[in-house]
């Protein structure tokens, strides 16, 4: 079917060209860095926008959901919440380097550094 679609239409059928950009080594490092902490980590390729690693902790084994589901609902650490995709976080100081890079020589965004 894939060959026929490629032959007839010059392209693969929809959905066949899906690929992931996750880097297994970076993903394992992200999970080990978060370990028993509560939080999220997302690592992007700045040039392409590809997601290289995405982790949310605490986590759970989805294969045991029928056994541990009730405990997960009552857990105060909310392991069912995917903090990487569902969390709402203020930009805060994370925008500082971007504003500094954008300001160029004028230092317009940094009045305390202006002379």
PDB file of N, CA and C in Angstrom:
ATOM      1  N   UNK A   1       0.827  -1.191   0.000  1.00  0.00           N
ATOM      2  CA  UNK A   1       0.000   0.000   0.000  1.00  0.00           C
ATOM      3  C   UNK A   1       0.874   1.258   0.000  1.00  0.00           C
ATOM      4  N   UNK A   2       1.952   1.232   0.804  1.00  0.00           N
ATOM      5  CA  UNK A   2       2.842   2.390   0.844  1.00  0.00           C
ATOM      6  C   UNK A   2       3.509   2.578  -0.511  1.00  0.00           C
ATOM      7  N   UNK A   3       3.980   1.492  -1.088  1.00  0.00           N
ATOM      8  CA  UNK A   3       4.644   1.553  -2.379  1.00  0.00           C
ATOM      9  C   UNK A   3       3.682   2.056  -3.455  1.00  0.00           C
ATOM     10  N   UNK A   4       2.464   1.537  -3.450  1.00  0.00           N
ATOM     11  CA  UNK A   4       1.470   1.938  -4.447  1.00  0.00           C
ATOM     12  C   UNK A   4       1.128   3.423  -4.314  1.00  0.00           C
ATOM     13  N   UNK A   5       0.980   3.899  -3.079  1.00  0.00           N
ATOM     14  CA  UNK A   5       0.666   5.308  -2.855  1.00  0.00           C
ATOM     15  C   UNK A   5       1.822   6.183  -3.331  1.00  0.00           C
ATOM     16  N   UNK A   6       3.031   5.738  -3.061  1.00  0.00           N
ATOM     17  CA  UNK A   6       4.195   6.499  -3.494  1.00  0.00           C
ATOM     18  C   UNK A   6       4.294   6.513  -5.021  1.00  0.00           C
ATOM     19  N   UNK A   7       4.003   5.380  -5.617  1.00  0.00           N
ATOM     20  CA  UNK A   7       4.062   5.268  -7.077  1.00  0.00           C
ATOM     21  C   UNK A   7       2.972   6.109  -7.742  1.00  0.00           C
ATOM     22  N   UNK A   8       1.744   6.044  -7.207  1.00  0.00           N
ATOM     23  CA  UNK A   8       0.616   6.753  -7.819  1.00  0.00           C
ATOM     24  C   UNK A   8       0.620   8.251  -7.551  1.00  0.00           C
ATOM     25  N   UNK A   9       0.921   8.635  -6.324  1.00  0.00           N
ATOM     26  CA  UNK A   9       0.778  10.027  -5.916  1.00  0.00           C
ATOM     27  C   UNK A   9       2.112  10.745  -5.678  1.00  0.00           C
ATOM     28  N   UNK A  10       3.223   9.991  -5.700  1.00  0.00           N
ATOM     29  CA  UNK A  10       4.529  10.600  -5.491  1.00  0.00           C
ATOM     30  C   UNK A  10       4.829  10.951  -4.056  1.00  0.00           C
ATOM     31  N   UNK A  11       4.044  10.455  -3.143  1.00  0.00           N
ATOM     32  CA  UNK A  11       4.278  10.716  -1.716  1.00  0.00           C
ATOM     33  C   UNK A  11       3.718   9.573  -0.893  1.00  0.00           C
ATOM     34  N   UNK A  12       4.231   9.386   0.322  1.00  0.00           N
ATOM     35  CA  UNK A  12       3.693   8.322   1.166  1.00  0.00           C
ATOM     36  C   UNK A  12       2.302   8.690   1.678  1.00  0.00           C
ATOM     37  N   UNK A  13       1.503   7.700   2.084  1.00  0.00           N
ATOM     38  CA  UNK A  13       0.181   8.020   2.640  1.00  0.00           C
ATOM     39  C   UNK A  13       0.321   8.809   3.938  1.00  0.00           C
ATOM     40  N   UNK A  14      -0.686   9.580   4.301  1.00  0.00           N
ATOM     41  CA  UNK A  14      -0.620  10.391   5.525  1.00  0.00           C
ATOM     42  C   UNK A  14      -0.315   9.526   6.750  1.00  0.00           C
ATOM     43  N   UNK A  15       0.567  10.037   7.595  1.00  0.00           N
ATOM     44  CA  UNK A  15       0.914   9.347   8.837  1.00  0.00           C
ATOM     45  C   UNK A  15       2.142   8.490   8.755  1.00  0.00           C
ATOM     46  N   UNK A  16       2.604   8.178   7.567  1.00  0.00           N
ATOM     47  CA  UNK A  16       3.765   7.310   7.430  1.00  0.00           C
ATOM     48  C   UNK A  16       5.056   8.079   7.697  1.00  0.00           C
ATOM     49  N   UNK A  17       5.052   9.375   7.477  1.00  0.00           N
ATOM     50  CA  UNK A  17       6.269  10.161   7.618  1.00  0.00           C
ATOM     51  C   UNK A  17       6.483  10.732   9.018  1.00  0.00           C
ATOM     52  N   UNK A  18       5.828  10.202  10.025  1.00  0.00           N
ATOM     53  CA  UNK A  18       5.991  10.667  11.397  1.00  0.00           C
ATOM     54  C   UNK A  18       7.330  10.176  11.930  1.00  0.00           C
ATOM     55  N   UNK A  19       8.071  11.080  12.575  1.00  0.00           N
ATOM     56  CA  UNK A  19       9.327  10.692  13.187  1.00  0.00           C
ATOM     57  C   UNK A  19       9.457  11.429  14.516  1.00  0.00           C
ATOM     58  N   UNK A  20      10.235  10.869  15.398  1.00  0.00           N
ATOM     59  CA  UNK A  20      10.460  11.510  16.689  1.00  0.00           C
ATOM     60  C   UNK A  20      11.855  12.098  16.716  1.00  0.00           C
ATOM     61  N   UNK A  21      12.048  13.061  17.572  1.00  0.00           N
ATOM     62  CA  UNK A  21      13.347  13.709  17.694  1.00  0.00           C
ATOM     63  C   UNK A  21      13.971  13.461  19.063  1.00  0.00           C
ATOM     64  N   UNK A  22      13.338  12.626  19.893  1.00  0.00           N
ATOM     65  CA  UNK A  22      13.863  12.368  21.221  1.00  0.00           C
ATOM     66  C   UNK A  22      15.220  11.687  21.135  1.00  0.00           C
ATOM     67  N   UNK A  23      16.138  12.129  21.975  1.00  0.00           N
ATOM     68  CA  UNK A  23      17.462  11.543  22.084  1.00  0.00           C
ATOM     69  C   UNK A  23      17.451  10.674  23.338  1.00  0.00           C
ATOM     70  N   UNK A  24      17.627   9.367  23.177  1.00  0.00           N
ATOM     71  CA  UNK A  24      17.493   8.434  24.287  1.00  0.00           C
ATOM     72  C   UNK A  24      18.462   8.752  25.425  1.00  0.00           C
ATOM     73  N   UNK A  25      19.692   9.101  25.107  1.00  0.00           N
ATOM     74  CA  UNK A  25      20.669   9.421  26.162  1.00  0.00           C
ATOM     75  C   UNK A  25      20.251  10.665  26.935  1.00  0.00           C
ATOM     76  N   UNK A  26      19.789  11.697  26.218  1.00  0.00           N
ATOM     77  CA  UNK A  26      19.328  12.912  26.896  1.00  0.00           C
ATOM     78  C   UNK A  26      18.068  12.650  27.714  1.00  0.00           C
ATOM     79  N   UNK A  27      17.172  11.806  27.198  1.00  0.00           N
ATOM     80  CA  UNK A  27      15.947  11.470  27.924  1.00  0.00           C
ATOM     81  C   UNK A  27      16.276  10.752  29.223  1.00  0.00           C
ATOM     82  N   UNK A  28      17.202   9.803  29.177  1.00  0.00           N
ATOM     83  CA  UNK A  28      17.607   9.085  30.384  1.00  0.00           C
ATOM     84  C   UNK A  28      18.290  10.023  31.372  1.00  0.00           C
ATOM     85  N   UNK A  29      19.105  10.955  30.868  1.00  0.00           N
ATOM     86  CA  UNK A  29      19.758  11.929  31.744  1.00  0.00           C
ATOM     87  C   UNK A  29      18.720  12.834  32.408  1.00  0.00           C
ATOM     88  N   UNK A  30      17.711  13.265  31.660  1.00  0.00           N
ATOM     89  CA  UNK A  30      16.657  14.116  32.221  1.00  0.00           C
ATOM     90  C   UNK A  30      15.918  13.380  33.335  1.00  0.00           C
ATOM     91  N   UNK A  31      15.574  12.124  33.095  1.00  0.00           N
ATOM     92  CA  UNK A  31      14.878  11.346  34.124  1.00  0.00           C
ATOM     93  C   UNK A  31      15.750  11.134  35.349  1.00  0.00           C
ATOM     94  N   UNK A  32      17.028  10.896  35.154  1.00  0.00           N
ATOM     95  CA  UNK A  32      17.900  10.679  36.315  1.00  0.00           C
ATOM     96  C   UNK A  32      18.149  11.988  37.069  1.00  0.00           C
ATOM     97  N   UNK A  33      18.194  13.126  36.366  1.00  0.00           N
ATOM     98  CA  UNK A  33      18.374  14.409  37.045  1.00  0.00           C
ATOM     99  C   UNK A  33      17.166  14.763  37.906  1.00  0.00           C
ATOM    100  N   UNK A  34      15.982  14.465  37.413  1.00  0.00           N
ATOM    101  CA  UNK A  34      14.781  14.760  38.204  1.00  0.00           C
ATOM    102  C   UNK A  34      14.627  13.773  39.353  1.00  0.00           C
ATOM    103  N   UNK A  35      15.009  12.520  39.115  1.00  0.00           N
ATOM    104  CA  UNK A  35      14.974  11.452  40.134  1.00  0.00           C
ATOM    105  C   UNK A  35      13.708  11.522  40.977  1.00  0.00           C
ATOM    106  N   UNK A  36      13.848  11.832  42.255  1.00  0.00           N
ATOM    107  CA  UNK A  36      12.707  11.864  43.173  1.00  0.00           C
ATOM    108  C   UNK A  36      12.170  13.286  43.384  1.00  0.00           C
ATOM    109  N   UNK A  37      12.625  14.232  42.582  1.00  0.00           N
ATOM    110  CA  UNK A  37      12.157  15.611  42.682  1.00  0.00           C
ATOM    111  C   UNK A  37      10.811  15.764  41.988  1.00  0.00           C
ATOM    112  N   UNK A  38      10.092  16.784  42.368  1.00  0.00           N
ATOM    113  CA  UNK A  38       8.834  17.114  41.698  1.00  0.00           C
ATOM    114  C   UNK A  38       9.124  18.243  40.724  1.00  0.00           C
ATOM    115  N   UNK A  39       8.879  18.009  39.423  1.00  0.00           N
ATOM    116  CA  UNK A  39       9.134  19.046  38.439  1.00  0.00           C
ATOM    117  C   UNK A  39       9.106  18.511  37.028  1.00  0.00           C
ATOM    118  N   UNK A  40       9.581  19.336  36.103  1.00  0.00           N
ATOM    119  CA  UNK A  40       9.586  18.980  34.688  1.00  0.00           C
ATOM    120  C   UNK A  40      10.859  19.489  34.041  1.00  0.00           C
ATOM    121  N   UNK A  41      11.230  18.833  32.951  1.00  0.00           N
ATOM    122  CA  UNK A  41      12.392  19.240  32.182  1.00  0.00           C
ATOM    123  C   UNK A  41      12.071  19.050  30.708  1.00  0.00           C
ATOM    124  N   UNK A  42      12.279  20.098  29.916  1.00  0.00           N
ATOM    125  CA  UNK A  42      12.076  20.029  28.471  1.00  0.00           C
ATOM    126  C   UNK A  42      13.325  20.605  27.828  1.00  0.00           C
ATOM    127  N   UNK A  43      13.938  19.837  26.934  1.00  0.00           N
ATOM    128  CA  UNK A  43      15.140  20.273  26.235  1.00  0.00           C
ATOM    129  C   UNK A  43      14.830  20.338  24.748  1.00  0.00           C
ATOM    130  N   UNK A  44      14.997  21.541  24.171  1.00  0.00           N
ATOM    131  CA  UNK A  44      14.691  21.768  22.755  1.00  0.00           C
ATOM    132  C   UNK A  44      15.962  22.068  21.976  1.00  0.00           C
ATOM    133  N   UNK A  45      15.955  21.717  20.689  1.00  0.00           N
ATOM    134  CA  UNK A  45      16.998  22.132  19.770  1.00  0.00           C
ATOM    135  C   UNK A  45      16.629  23.554  19.349  1.00  0.00           C
ATOM    136  N   UNK A  46      17.470  24.515  19.672  1.00  0.00           N
ATOM    137  CA  UNK A  46      17.153  25.923  19.419  1.00  0.00           C
ATOM    138  C   UNK A  46      17.038  26.246  17.937  1.00  0.00           C
ATOM    139  N   UNK A  47      17.742  25.526  17.088  1.00  0.00           N
ATOM    140  CA  UNK A  47      17.708  25.829  15.661  1.00  0.00           C
ATOM    141  C   UNK A  47      16.486  25.247  14.967  1.00  0.00           C
ATOM    142  N   UNK A  48      16.121  24.015  15.327  1.00  0.00           N
ATOM    143  CA  UNK A  48      15.023  23.345  14.623  1.00  0.00           C
ATOM    144  C   UNK A  48      13.718  23.318  15.414  1.00  0.00           C
ATOM    145  N   UNK A  49      13.788  23.532  16.732  1.00  0.00           N
ATOM    146  CA  UNK A  49      12.591  23.451  17.567  1.00  0.00           C
ATOM    147  C   UNK A  49      12.225  22.029  17.956  1.00  0.00           C
ATOM    148  N   UNK A  50      13.058  21.056  17.580  1.00  0.00           N
ATOM    149  CA  UNK A  50      12.775  19.656  17.916  1.00  0.00           C
ATOM    150  C   UNK A  50      12.894  19.440  19.418  1.00  0.00           C
ATOM    151  N   UNK A  51      12.038  18.596  19.953  1.00  0.00           N
ATOM    152  CA  UNK A  51      12.097  18.231  21.359  1.00  0.00           C
ATOM    153  C   UNK A  51      13.093  17.092  21.486  1.00  0.00           C
ATOM    154  N   UNK A  52      14.173  17.322  22.251  1.00  0.00           N
ATOM    155  CA  UNK A  52      15.207  16.309  22.430  1.00  0.00           C
ATOM    156  C   UNK A  52      14.966  15.466  23.670  1.00  0.00           C
ATOM    157  N   UNK A  53      14.378  16.065  24.699  1.00  0.00           N
ATOM    158  CA  UNK A  53      14.057  15.332  25.929  1.00  0.00           C
ATOM    159  C   UNK A  53      12.887  16.016  26.614  1.00  0.00           C
ATOM    160  N   UNK A  54      12.019  15.221  27.245  1.00  0.00           N
ATOM    161  CA  UNK A  54      10.881  15.758  27.982  1.00  0.00           C
ATOM    162  C   UNK A  54      10.583  14.806  29.132  1.00  0.00           C
ATOM    163  N   UNK A  55      10.634  15.330  30.343  1.00  0.00           N
ATOM    164  CA  UNK A  55      10.405  14.486  31.515  1.00  0.00           C
ATOM    165  C   UNK A  55       9.524  15.223  32.511  1.00  0.00           C
ATOM    166  N   UNK A  56       8.706  14.470  33.215  1.00  0.00           N
ATOM    167  CA  UNK A  56       7.837  14.994  34.253  1.00  0.00           C
ATOM    168  C   UNK A  56       7.909  14.046  35.443  1.00  0.00           C
ATOM    169  N   UNK A  57       8.137  14.603  36.632  1.00  0.00           N
ATOM    170  CA  UNK A  57       8.229  13.776  37.838  1.00  0.00           C
ATOM    171  C   UNK A  57       7.383  14.381  38.932  1.00  0.00           C
ATOM    172  N   UNK A  58       6.808  13.626  39.833  1.00  0.00           N
ATOM    173  CA  UNK A  58       6.893  12.172  39.931  1.00  0.00           C
ATOM    174  C   UNK A  58       6.120  11.511  38.789  1.00  0.00           C
ATOM    175  N   UNK A  59       6.475  10.295  38.520  1.00  0.00           N
ATOM    176  CA  UNK A  59       5.867   9.550  37.440  1.00  0.00           C
ATOM    177  C   UNK A  59       5.278   8.251  37.975  1.00  0.00           C
ATOM    178  N   UNK A  60       4.723   7.443  37.115  1.00  0.00           N
ATOM    179  CA  UNK A  60       4.122   6.178  37.528  1.00  0.00           C
ATOM    180  C   UNK A  60       4.250   5.186  36.394  1.00  0.00           C
ATOM    181  N   UNK A  61       4.065   3.925  36.697  1.00  0.00           N
ATOM    182  CA  UNK A  61       4.108   2.865  35.699  1.00  0.00           C
ATOM    183  C   UNK A  61       2.698   2.677  35.149  1.00  0.00           C
ATOM    184  N   UNK A  62       2.479   3.082  33.906  1.00  0.00           N
ATOM    185  CA  UNK A  62       1.146   2.991  33.307  1.00  0.00           C
ATOM    186  C   UNK A  62       0.685   1.552  33.142  1.00  0.00           C
ATOM    187  N   UNK A  63       1.604   0.605  33.134  1.00  0.00           N
ATOM    188  CA  UNK A  63       1.234  -0.808  33.027  1.00  0.00           C
ATOM    189  C   UNK A  63       0.548  -1.311  34.288  1.00  0.00           C
ATOM    190  N   UNK A  64       0.721  -0.597  35.398  1.00  0.00           N
ATOM    191  CA  UNK A  64       0.107  -1.007  36.670  1.00  0.00           C
ATOM    192  C   UNK A  64      -1.040  -0.082  37.070  1.00  0.00           C
ATOM    193  N   UNK A  65      -1.569   0.663  36.130  1.00  0.00           N
ATOM    194  CA  UNK A  65      -2.595   1.660  36.434  1.00  0.00           C
ATOM    195  C   UNK A  65      -3.822   1.059  37.095  1.00  0.00           C
ATOM    196  N   UNK A  66      -4.239  -0.122  36.666  1.00  0.00           N
ATOM    197  CA  UNK A  66      -5.423  -0.742  37.273  1.00  0.00           C
ATOM    198  C   UNK A  66      -5.167  -1.118  38.733  1.00  0.00           C
ATOM    199  N   UNK A  67      -3.929  -1.384  39.090  1.00  0.00           N
ATOM    200  CA  UNK A  67      -3.594  -1.759  40.473  1.00  0.00           C
ATOM    201  C   UNK A  67      -3.399  -0.541  41.380  1.00  0.00           C
ATOM    202  N   UNK A  68      -2.747   0.497  40.841  1.00  0.00           N
ATOM    203  CA  UNK A  68      -2.347   1.630  41.677  1.00  0.00           C
ATOM    204  C   UNK A  68      -3.134   2.903  41.389  1.00  0.00           C
ATOM    205  N   UNK A  69      -4.123   2.820  40.527  1.00  0.00           N
ATOM    206  CA  UNK A  69      -4.870   4.003  40.106  1.00  0.00           C
ATOM    207  C   UNK A  69      -5.472   4.801  41.232  1.00  0.00           C
ATOM    208  N   UNK A  70      -6.096   4.154  42.177  1.00  0.00           N
ATOM    209  CA  UNK A  70      -6.730   4.860  43.301  1.00  0.00           C
ATOM    210  C   UNK A  70      -5.698   5.581  44.156  1.00  0.00           C
ATOM    211  N   UNK A  71      -4.553   4.941  44.379  1.00  0.00           N
ATOM    212  CA  UNK A  71      -3.488   5.589  45.148  1.00  0.00           C
ATOM    213  C   UNK A  71      -2.941   6.812  44.418  1.00  0.00           C
ATOM    214  N   UNK A  72      -2.857   6.728  43.096  1.00  0.00           N
ATOM    215  CA  UNK A  72      -2.358   7.864  42.320  1.00  0.00           C
ATOM    216  C   UNK A  72      -3.295   9.064  42.425  1.00  0.00           C
ATOM    217  N   UNK A  73      -4.598   8.806  42.446  1.00  0.00           N
ATOM    218  CA  UNK A  73      -5.574   9.897  42.554  1.00  0.00           C
ATOM    219  C   UNK A  73      -5.475  10.621  43.887  1.00  0.00           C
ATOM    220  N   UNK A  74      -5.095   9.896  44.939  1.00  0.00           N
ATOM    221  CA  UNK A  74      -5.030  10.476  46.278  1.00  0.00           C
ATOM    222  C   UNK A  74      -3.633  10.964  46.652  1.00  0.00           C
ATOM    223  N   UNK A  75      -2.645  10.729  45.801  1.00  0.00           N
ATOM    224  CA  UNK A  75      -1.269  11.122  46.079  1.00  0.00           C
ATOM    225  C   UNK A  75      -1.145  12.643  46.028  1.00  0.00           C
ATOM    226  N   UNK A  76      -0.642  13.294  47.095  1.00  0.00           N
ATOM    227  CA  UNK A  76      -0.539  14.756  47.108  1.00  0.00           C
ATOM    228  C   UNK A  76       0.483  15.304  46.113  1.00  0.00           C
ATOM    229  N   UNK A  77       1.403  14.467  45.620  1.00  0.00           N
ATOM    230  CA  UNK A  77       2.394  14.916  44.637  1.00  0.00           C
ATOM    231  C   UNK A  77       1.859  14.911  43.208  1.00  0.00           C
ATOM    232  N   UNK A  78       0.637  14.470  43.012  1.00  0.00           N
ATOM    233  CA  UNK A  78      -0.046  14.463  41.709  1.00  0.00           C
ATOM    234  C   UNK A  78       0.785  13.843  40.581  1.00  0.00           C
ATOM    235  N   UNK A  79       1.105  12.552  40.681  1.00  0.00           N
ATOM    236  CA  UNK A  79       1.899  11.921  39.617  1.00  0.00           C
ATOM    237  C   UNK A  79       1.157  11.811  38.288  1.00  0.00           C
ATOM    238  N   UNK A  80      -0.161  11.937  38.274  1.00  0.00           N
ATOM    239  CA  UNK A  80      -0.904  11.882  37.017  1.00  0.00           C
ATOM    240  C   UNK A  80      -0.795  13.178  36.222  1.00  0.00           C
ATOM    241  N   UNK A  81      -0.342  14.247  36.853  1.00  0.00           N
ATOM    242  CA  UNK A  81      -0.165  15.529  36.176  1.00  0.00           C
ATOM    243  C   UNK A  81       1.140  15.509  35.392  1.00  0.00           C
ATOM    244  N   UNK A  82       1.073  15.688  34.093  1.00  0.00           N
ATOM    245  CA  UNK A  82       2.282  15.778  33.275  1.00  0.00           C
ATOM    246  C   UNK A  82       2.746  17.225  33.327  1.00  0.00           C
ATOM    247  N   UNK A  83       3.705  17.496  34.176  1.00  0.00           N
ATOM    248  CA  UNK A  83       4.152  18.861  34.408  1.00  0.00           C
ATOM    249  C   UNK A  83       4.822  19.478  33.185  1.00  0.00           C
ATOM    250  N   UNK A  84       5.377  18.661  32.313  1.00  0.00           N
ATOM    251  CA  UNK A  84       6.053  19.176  31.116  1.00  0.00           C
ATOM    252  C   UNK A  84       5.058  19.700  30.082  1.00  0.00           C
ATOM    253  N   UNK A  85       3.890  19.091  29.980  1.00  0.00           N
ATOM    254  CA  UNK A  85       2.919  19.510  28.969  1.00  0.00           C
ATOM    255  C   UNK A  85       1.713  20.234  29.537  1.00  0.00           C
ATOM    256  N   UNK A  86       1.385  20.011  30.801  1.00  0.00           N
ATOM    257  CA  UNK A  86       0.180  20.601  31.378  1.00  0.00           C
ATOM    258  C   UNK A  86       0.464  21.688  32.397  1.00  0.00           C
ATOM    259  N   UNK A  87       1.712  21.801  32.837  1.00  0.00           N
ATOM    260  CA  UNK A  87       2.050  22.787  33.860  1.00  0.00           C
ATOM    261  C   UNK A  87       2.036  24.197  33.302  1.00  0.00           C
ATOM    262  N   UNK A  88       1.603  25.145  34.107  1.00  0.00           N
ATOM    263  CA  UNK A  88       1.619  26.557  33.740  1.00  0.00           C
ATOM    264  C   UNK A  88       2.660  27.251  34.609  1.00  0.00           C
ATOM    265  N   UNK A  89       3.696  27.788  33.977  1.00  0.00           N
ATOM    266  CA  UNK A  89       4.801  28.384  34.711  1.00  0.00           C
ATOM    267  C   UNK A  89       5.022  29.808  34.215  1.00  0.00           C
ATOM    268  N   UNK A  90       5.233  30.751  35.142  1.00  0.00           N
ATOM    269  CA  UNK A  90       5.526  32.119  34.709  1.00  0.00           C
ATOM    270  C   UNK A  90       6.915  32.185  34.073  1.00  0.00           C
ATOM    271  N   UNK A  91       7.066  33.036  33.080  1.00  0.00           N
ATOM    272  CA  UNK A  91       8.354  33.149  32.397  1.00  0.00           C
ATOM    273  C   UNK A  91       9.433  33.658  33.346  1.00  0.00           C
ATOM    274  N   UNK A  92       9.113  34.664  34.148  1.00  0.00           N
ATOM    275  CA  UNK A  92      10.047  35.157  35.155  1.00  0.00           C
ATOM    276  C   UNK A  92      11.422  35.465  34.604  1.00  0.00           C
ATOM    277  N   UNK A  93      12.441  35.027  35.335  1.00  0.00           N
ATOM    278  CA  UNK A  93      13.829  35.322  34.991  1.00  0.00           C
ATOM    279  C   UNK A  93      14.298  34.572  33.752  1.00  0.00           C
ATOM    280  N   UNK A  94      13.521  33.612  33.287  1.00  0.00           N
ATOM    281  CA  UNK A  94      13.923  32.858  32.098  1.00  0.00           C
ATOM    282  C   UNK A  94      14.023  33.754  30.873  1.00  0.00           C
ATOM    283  N   UNK A  95      13.304  34.869  30.862  1.00  0.00           N
ATOM    284  CA  UNK A  95      13.356  35.783  29.723  1.00  0.00           C
ATOM    285  C   UNK A  95      14.535  36.741  29.779  1.00  0.00           C
ATOM    286  N   UNK A  96      15.227  36.824  30.909  1.00  0.00           N
ATOM    287  CA  UNK A  96      16.349  37.754  31.069  1.00  0.00           C
ATOM    288  C   UNK A  96      17.399  37.644  29.983  1.00  0.00           C
ATOM    289  N   UNK A  97      17.952  36.458  29.724  1.00  0.00           N
ATOM    290  CA  UNK A  97      18.974  36.352  28.664  1.00  0.00           C
ATOM    291  C   UNK A  97      18.443  36.732  27.284  1.00  0.00           C
ATOM    292  N   UNK A  98      17.180  36.416  27.013  1.00  0.00           N
ATOM    293  CA  UNK A  98      16.608  36.774  25.717  1.00  0.00           C
ATOM    294  C   UNK A  98      16.465  38.288  25.575  1.00  0.00           C
ATOM    295  N   UNK A  99      16.032  38.932  26.637  1.00  0.00           N
ATOM    296  CA  UNK A  99      15.906  40.382  26.590  1.00  0.00           C
ATOM    297  C   UNK A  99      17.269  41.044  26.478  1.00  0.00           C
ATOM    298  N   UNK A 100      18.254  40.492  27.155  1.00  0.00           N
ATOM    299  CA  UNK A 100      19.602  41.038  27.088  1.00  0.00           C
ATOM    300  C   UNK A 100      20.165  40.880  25.675  1.00  0.00           C
ATOM    301  N   UNK A 101      19.954  39.739  25.065  1.00  0.00           N
ATOM    302  CA  UNK A 101      20.452  39.511  23.712  1.00  0.00           C
ATOM    303  C   UNK A 101      19.742  40.419  22.708  1.00  0.00           C
ATOM    304  N   UNK A 102      18.456  40.660  22.916  1.00  0.00           N
ATOM    305  CA  UNK A 102      17.681  41.483  22.004  1.00  0.00           C
ATOM    306  C   UNK A 102      18.012  42.966  22.146  1.00  0.00           C
ATOM    307  N   UNK A 103      18.458  43.377  23.313  1.00  0.00           N
ATOM    308  CA  UNK A 103      18.687  44.801  23.555  1.00  0.00           C
ATOM    309  C   UNK A 103      19.915  45.322  22.822  1.00  0.00           C
ATOM    310  N   UNK A 104      20.808  44.443  22.399  1.00  0.00           N
ATOM    311  CA  UNK A 104      21.996  44.884  21.655  1.00  0.00           C
ATOM    312  C   UNK A 104      22.870  45.780  22.504  1.00  0.00           C
ATOM    313  N   UNK A 105      23.372  46.824  21.908  1.00  0.00           N
ATOM    314  CA  UNK A 105      24.278  47.734  22.601  1.00  0.00           C
ATOM    315  C   UNK A 105      23.538  48.779  23.431  1.00  0.00           C
ATOM    316  N   UNK A 106      22.248  48.973  23.172  1.00  0.00           N
ATOM    317  CA  UNK A 106      21.530  50.067  23.808  1.00  0.00           C
ATOM    318  C   UNK A 106      21.243  49.826  25.280  1.00  0.00           C
ATOM    319  N   UNK A 107      21.192  48.571  25.698  1.00  0.00           N
ATOM    320  CA  UNK A 107      20.868  48.222  27.076  1.00  0.00           C
ATOM    321  C   UNK A 107      19.542  48.823  27.508  1.00  0.00           C
ATOM    322  N   UNK A 108      18.606  48.912  26.547  1.00  0.00           N
ATOM    323  CA  UNK A 108      17.310  49.543  26.808  1.00  0.00           C
ATOM    324  C   UNK A 108      16.509  48.796  27.856  1.00  0.00           C
ATOM    325  N   UNK A 109      16.672  47.503  27.947  1.00  0.00           N
ATOM    326  CA  UNK A 109      15.891  46.715  28.892  1.00  0.00           C
ATOM    327  C   UNK A 109      16.553  46.614  30.253  1.00  0.00           C
ATOM    328  N   UNK A 110      17.772  47.142  30.367  1.00  0.00           N
ATOM    329  CA  UNK A 110      18.513  47.020  31.614  1.00  0.00           C
ATOM    330  C   UNK A 110      18.897  48.401  32.147  1.00  0.00           C
ATOM    331  N   UNK A 111      17.929  49.117  32.730  1.00  0.00           N
ATOM    332  CA  UNK A 111      18.216  50.490  33.182  1.00  0.00           C
ATOM    333  C   UNK A 111      19.291  50.537  34.245  1.00  0.00           C
ATOM    334  N   UNK A 112      19.459  49.460  35.025  1.00  0.00           N
ATOM    335  CA  UNK A 112      20.467  49.477  36.077  1.00  0.00           C
ATOM    336  C   UNK A 112      21.883  49.404  35.499  1.00  0.00           C
ATOM    337  N   UNK A 113      22.041  48.943  34.225  1.00  0.00           N
ATOM    338  CA  UNK A 113      23.356  48.855  33.603  1.00  0.00           C
ATOM    339  C   UNK A 113      23.663  50.048  32.701  1.00  0.00           C
ATOM    340  N   UNK A 114      22.649  50.866  32.443  1.00  0.00           N
ATOM    341  CA  UNK A 114      22.858  52.018  31.573  1.00  0.00           C
ATOM    342  C   UNK A 114      23.706  53.062  32.292  1.00  0.00           C
ATOM    343  N   UNK A 115      24.598  53.694  31.546  1.00  0.00           N
ATOM    344  CA  UNK A 115      25.465  54.678  32.188  1.00  0.00           C
ATOM    345  C   UNK A 115      25.011  56.094  31.934  1.00  0.00           C
TER     346      UNK A 115
END
